[in-house]
Amino acid sequence: MAETYEIKLIDRRVVKRYVRKGIVDEKEYAAHLKALPDLEGQALSVESAMEDDQLDDVDGEE
C-alpha cells in the first residue's frame, strides 16, 4: 500500500467503516489484499466437539 495503515484500521471487521469515513483508501486496501501471500498450505485442520449438544432440543427431539 502506498500509505501504511495501522493494523487496527485494516482489520476486516472494521475496514468498511474506515473506507466510508475516508480514513482508508478503498483502492489501496484492495491492492493490499491482493499483495498478501497465500498461506493456505500452512493452515492446520481443527476439529471440535460439543459436550452437551442442544441442537436436538430445538427440534423437540431428544
N, C-alpha and C. Protein backbone atom coordinates (compact mmCIF):
# COMPACT_ATOMS: atom_id res chain seq x y z
N MET A 1 0.85 -1.16 0.00
CA MET A 1 0.00 0.00 0.00
C MET A 1 0.90 1.23 0.00
N ALA A 2 0.47 2.20 -0.74
CA ALA A 2 1.26 3.42 -0.79
C ALA A 2 1.36 4.05 0.58
N GLU A 3 0.26 4.02 1.30
CA GLU A 3 0.23 4.56 2.65
C GLU A 3 0.23 3.39 3.62
N THR A 4 0.95 3.51 4.72
CA THR A 4 0.97 2.46 5.71
C THR A 4 -0.10 2.76 6.75
N TYR A 5 -1.01 1.83 6.92
CA TYR A 5 -2.09 1.99 7.87
C TYR A 5 -1.79 1.17 9.12
N GLU A 6 -2.32 1.63 10.25
CA GLU A 6 -2.25 0.82 11.45
C GLU A 6 -3.08 -0.43 11.23
N ILE A 7 -2.63 -1.53 11.79
CA ILE A 7 -3.33 -2.81 11.62
C ILE A 7 -4.80 -2.68 12.02
N LYS A 8 -5.11 -1.93 13.06
CA LYS A 8 -6.49 -1.81 13.52
C LYS A 8 -7.40 -1.16 12.48
N LEU A 9 -6.83 -0.38 11.56
CA LEU A 9 -7.65 0.28 10.54
C LEU A 9 -7.99 -0.65 9.38
N ILE A 10 -7.17 -1.68 9.16
CA ILE A 10 -7.43 -2.56 8.03
C ILE A 10 -7.93 -3.93 8.47
N ASP A 11 -8.33 -4.04 9.72
CA ASP A 11 -8.96 -5.27 10.21
C ASP A 11 -10.25 -5.47 9.44
N ARG A 12 -10.45 -6.66 8.90
CA ARG A 12 -11.61 -6.90 8.04
C ARG A 12 -12.94 -6.66 8.73
N ARG A 13 -12.97 -6.68 10.06
CA ARG A 13 -14.22 -6.46 10.78
C ARG A 13 -14.62 -4.99 10.81
N VAL A 14 -13.67 -4.07 10.58
CA VAL A 14 -13.98 -2.64 10.70
C VAL A 14 -13.56 -1.81 9.49
N VAL A 15 -12.88 -2.42 8.53
CA VAL A 15 -12.30 -1.64 7.44
C VAL A 15 -13.37 -0.92 6.60
N LYS A 16 -14.54 -1.51 6.43
CA LYS A 16 -15.59 -0.83 5.65
C LYS A 16 -15.96 0.51 6.26
N ARG A 17 -16.00 0.56 7.58
CA ARG A 17 -16.33 1.81 8.27
C ARG A 17 -15.27 2.87 7.97
N TYR A 18 -14.00 2.47 7.99
CA TYR A 18 -12.92 3.42 7.75
C TYR A 18 -12.85 3.83 6.28
N VAL A 19 -13.25 2.97 5.38
CA VAL A 19 -13.32 3.35 3.97
C VAL A 19 -14.42 4.39 3.78
N ARG A 20 -15.59 4.16 4.39
CA ARG A 20 -16.69 5.13 4.30
C ARG A 20 -16.30 6.49 4.86
N LYS A 21 -15.52 6.48 5.95
CA LYS A 21 -15.10 7.73 6.57
C LYS A 21 -13.94 8.39 5.82
N GLY A 22 -13.35 7.69 4.85
CA GLY A 22 -12.25 8.25 4.08
C GLY A 22 -10.90 8.11 4.76
N ILE A 23 -10.84 7.33 5.82
CA ILE A 23 -9.58 7.14 6.55
C ILE A 23 -8.69 6.14 5.80
N VAL A 24 -9.32 5.14 5.18
CA VAL A 24 -8.61 4.14 4.39
C VAL A 24 -9.09 4.26 2.95
N ASP A 25 -8.15 4.29 2.01
CA ASP A 25 -8.48 4.37 0.59
C ASP A 25 -8.86 2.98 0.10
N GLU A 26 -10.04 2.87 -0.52
CA GLU A 26 -10.56 1.58 -0.96
C GLU A 26 -9.65 0.89 -1.97
N LYS A 27 -9.11 1.64 -2.91
CA LYS A 27 -8.24 1.06 -3.93
C LYS A 27 -6.92 0.58 -3.32
N GLU A 28 -6.37 1.35 -2.39
CA GLU A 28 -5.14 0.93 -1.72
C GLU A 28 -5.37 -0.32 -0.88
N TYR A 29 -6.53 -0.38 -0.23
CA TYR A 29 -6.86 -1.56 0.59
C TYR A 29 -7.01 -2.79 -0.31
N ALA A 30 -7.67 -2.65 -1.45
CA ALA A 30 -7.82 -3.77 -2.39
C ALA A 30 -6.45 -4.23 -2.89
N ALA A 31 -5.56 -3.30 -3.18
CA ALA A 31 -4.22 -3.65 -3.62
C ALA A 31 -3.45 -4.36 -2.50
N HIS A 32 -3.65 -3.92 -1.27
CA HIS A 32 -3.02 -4.56 -0.11
C HIS A 32 -3.47 -6.01 0.01
N LEU A 33 -4.78 -6.24 -0.12
CA LEU A 33 -5.31 -7.61 -0.03
C LEU A 33 -4.75 -8.49 -1.14
N LYS A 34 -4.65 -7.94 -2.33
CA LYS A 34 -4.14 -8.69 -3.47
C LYS A 34 -2.66 -9.06 -3.29
N ALA A 35 -1.92 -8.21 -2.59
CA ALA A 35 -0.49 -8.43 -2.39
C ALA A 35 -0.17 -9.40 -1.25
N LEU A 36 -1.17 -9.75 -0.45
CA LEU A 36 -0.92 -10.67 0.67
C LEU A 36 -0.56 -12.05 0.14
N PRO A 37 0.38 -12.72 0.79
CA PRO A 37 0.76 -14.07 0.34
C PRO A 37 -0.33 -15.09 0.66
N ASP A 38 -0.40 -16.13 -0.14
CA ASP A 38 -1.36 -17.22 0.08
C ASP A 38 -0.73 -18.20 1.07
N LEU A 39 -1.28 -18.27 2.26
CA LEU A 39 -0.73 -19.12 3.31
C LEU A 39 -1.60 -20.35 3.57
N GLU A 40 -2.45 -20.68 2.61
CA GLU A 40 -3.36 -21.81 2.78
C GLU A 40 -2.60 -23.09 3.11
N GLY A 41 -1.46 -23.31 2.51
CA GLY A 41 -0.69 -24.52 2.74
C GLY A 41 -0.16 -24.64 4.16
N GLN A 42 -0.13 -23.54 4.89
CA GLN A 42 0.37 -23.56 6.25
C GLN A 42 -0.74 -23.70 7.29
N ALA A 43 -1.98 -23.75 6.83
CA ALA A 43 -3.11 -23.83 7.75
C ALA A 43 -3.22 -25.22 8.36
N LEU A 44 -3.74 -25.27 9.57
CA LEU A 44 -3.95 -26.53 10.27
C LEU A 44 -5.44 -26.82 10.33
N SER A 45 -5.79 -28.08 10.29
CA SER A 45 -7.17 -28.51 10.44
C SER A 45 -7.53 -28.52 11.92
N VAL A 46 -8.73 -28.08 12.22
CA VAL A 46 -9.18 -28.05 13.61
C VAL A 46 -10.50 -28.78 13.70
N GLU A 47 -10.59 -29.70 14.64
CA GLU A 47 -11.85 -30.40 14.89
C GLU A 47 -12.33 -30.04 16.28
N SER A 48 -13.62 -29.98 16.45
CA SER A 48 -14.16 -29.68 17.76
C SER A 48 -15.42 -30.50 18.00
N ALA A 49 -15.76 -30.67 19.24
CA ALA A 49 -16.97 -31.38 19.62
C ALA A 49 -17.57 -30.66 20.81
N MET A 50 -18.87 -30.66 20.87
CA MET A 50 -19.56 -30.04 21.99
C MET A 50 -20.00 -31.13 22.95
N GLU A 51 -19.82 -30.89 24.24
CA GLU A 51 -20.18 -31.89 25.24
C GLU A 51 -21.69 -32.07 25.32
N ASP A 52 -22.42 -30.99 25.44
CA ASP A 52 -23.88 -31.06 25.57
C ASP A 52 -24.51 -30.50 24.31
N ASP A 53 -24.71 -31.34 23.33
CA ASP A 53 -25.28 -30.91 22.06
C ASP A 53 -26.76 -30.63 22.27
N GLN A 54 -27.16 -29.37 22.24
CA GLN A 54 -28.54 -28.98 22.49
C GLN A 54 -29.33 -28.76 21.21
N LEU A 55 -28.75 -29.05 20.06
CA LEU A 55 -29.45 -28.84 18.80
C LEU A 55 -30.69 -29.73 18.70
N ASP A 56 -30.63 -30.91 19.27
CA ASP A 56 -31.80 -31.80 19.24
C ASP A 56 -32.97 -31.21 20.01
N ASP A 57 -32.70 -30.47 21.08
CA ASP A 57 -33.75 -29.86 21.88
C ASP A 57 -34.54 -28.82 21.08
N VAL A 58 -33.89 -28.15 20.13
CA VAL A 58 -34.56 -27.14 19.33
C VAL A 58 -35.63 -27.77 18.45
N ASP A 59 -35.37 -28.95 17.94
CA ASP A 59 -36.33 -29.63 17.08
C ASP A 59 -37.41 -30.34 17.89
N GLY A 60 -37.31 -30.34 19.19
CA GLY A 60 -38.29 -31.02 20.02
C GLY A 60 -37.99 -32.49 20.19
N GLU A 61 -36.85 -32.93 19.70
CA GLU A 61 -36.45 -34.33 19.83
C GLU A 61 -35.29 -34.42 20.80
N GLU A 62 -35.14 -35.55 21.43
CA GLU A 62 -34.00 -35.76 22.31
C GLU A 62 -33.31 -37.03 21.97
